[in-house]
Amino acid sequence: MYAETPLRRPTFDASSIIMPITSFFARLLHALMESRRKQAAKQAALHLKATSRDFADIAYQDLVDWILDDQHPRHLDGISFVESSK
C-alpha cells in the first residue's frame, strides 16, 4: 500500500530562511561600520580644529563633510585631487 504512493517533494527550502538572516547581519555590519566612520571623522575634525590654526576658520561640520565625502575627495586645504594632479 505505501510502496505504491509517490513521495512528496519537500516544501522546506533552507535558502528561504538563510537569505533574510544573512542580509540582516550584512546590513547591521554596514551600519556599524558607517557609524564608526562618522565617529572617526568627527574626532579628526575636532583634533584638526584644536591643534591647527589653518582649520580655525573652517566650520566643524564642513570639515566633517570634507572628510566623509567619497564622491569628491580633496586635500584638507580644499583642493580636489583632480586639480592637484594637473
Protein backbone atom coordinates (compact mmCIF):
# COMPACT_ATOMS: atom_id res chain seq x y z
CA MET A 1 0.00 0.00 0.00
CA TYR A 2 2.59 2.58 1.00
CA ALA A 3 5.12 1.47 -1.56
CA GLU A 4 2.86 2.47 -4.42
CA THR A 5 2.27 6.09 -3.31
CA PRO A 6 4.83 8.52 -4.72
CA LEU A 7 6.96 10.56 -2.34
CA ARG A 8 6.17 14.22 -1.91
CA ARG A 9 8.72 16.87 -2.74
CA PRO A 10 9.93 18.70 0.36
CA THR A 11 8.25 22.07 0.84
CA PHE A 12 11.01 23.44 3.07
CA ASP A 13 13.78 25.41 1.36
CA ALA A 14 16.77 26.37 3.53
CA SER A 15 17.70 29.34 1.35
CA SER A 16 14.37 31.00 2.11
CA ILE A 17 15.45 31.14 5.76
CA ILE A 18 19.18 31.80 5.34
CA MET A 19 18.99 34.73 2.89
CA PRO A 20 16.98 37.09 5.16
CA ILE A 21 19.23 36.28 8.11
CA THR A 22 22.45 36.92 6.20
CA SER A 23 21.11 40.12 4.68
CA PHE A 24 20.09 41.32 8.17
CA PHE A 25 23.59 40.74 9.52
CA ALA A 26 25.14 42.36 6.44
CA ARG A 27 23.01 45.49 6.94
CA LEU A 28 23.84 45.52 10.65
CA LEU A 29 27.57 45.28 9.94
CA HIS A 30 27.32 48.03 7.34
CA ALA A 31 25.52 50.30 9.81
CA LEU A 32 28.17 49.68 12.47
CA MET A 33 30.99 50.45 10.04
CA GLU A 34 29.28 53.62 8.84
CA SER A 35 28.69 54.86 12.39
CA ARG A 36 32.35 54.20 13.28
CA ARG A 37 33.42 56.05 10.13
CA LYS A 38 31.33 59.08 11.10
CA GLN A 39 32.65 58.98 14.65
CA ALA A 40 36.25 58.89 13.38
CA ALA A 41 35.60 61.81 11.01
CA LYS A 42 34.16 63.88 13.86
CA GLN A 43 37.14 63.11 16.09
CA ALA A 44 39.56 64.01 13.29
CA ALA A 45 37.74 67.31 12.68
CA LEU A 46 37.86 68.16 16.39
CA HIS A 47 41.56 67.36 16.50
CA LEU A 48 42.29 69.48 13.42
CA LYS A 49 40.38 72.45 14.82
CA ALA A 50 42.04 72.14 18.22
CA THR A 51 45.63 71.71 17.06
CA SER A 52 45.97 73.63 13.80
CA ARG A 53 45.38 77.31 13.15
CA ASP A 54 44.84 76.54 9.47
CA PHE A 55 41.48 74.97 10.28
CA ALA A 56 40.30 77.53 12.84
CA ASP A 57 38.25 79.44 10.25
CA ILE A 58 36.61 76.34 8.77
CA ALA A 59 33.35 75.22 10.34
CA TYR A 60 33.38 71.92 12.20
CA GLN A 61 30.59 70.42 10.10
CA ASP A 62 32.34 71.46 6.87
CA LEU A 63 35.45 69.59 7.98
CA VAL A 64 33.39 66.51 8.80
CA ASP A 65 31.69 66.71 5.41
CA TRP A 66 35.04 67.07 3.62
CA ILE A 67 36.41 64.02 5.42
CA LEU A 68 33.32 61.90 4.70
CA ASP A 69 32.86 62.98 1.06
CA ASP A 70 33.65 59.96 -1.11
CA GLN A 71 32.30 61.41 -4.34
CA HIS A 72 34.65 64.42 -4.45
CA PRO A 73 37.80 63.59 -2.47
CA ARG A 74 40.04 66.57 -1.70
CA HIS A 75 43.09 67.53 0.27
CA LEU A 76 42.47 69.20 3.59
CA ASP A 77 43.40 72.59 2.12
CA GLY A 78 40.29 72.34 -0.10
CA ILE A 79 41.97 71.48 -3.41
CA SER A 80 40.47 68.41 -5.05
CA PHE A 81 42.70 65.50 -6.02
CA VAL A 82 41.81 66.03 -9.70
CA GLU A 83 43.00 69.66 -9.65
CA SER A 84 46.22 68.82 -7.78
CA SER A 85 47.23 66.11 -10.25
CA LYS A 86 47.13 68.51 -13.24
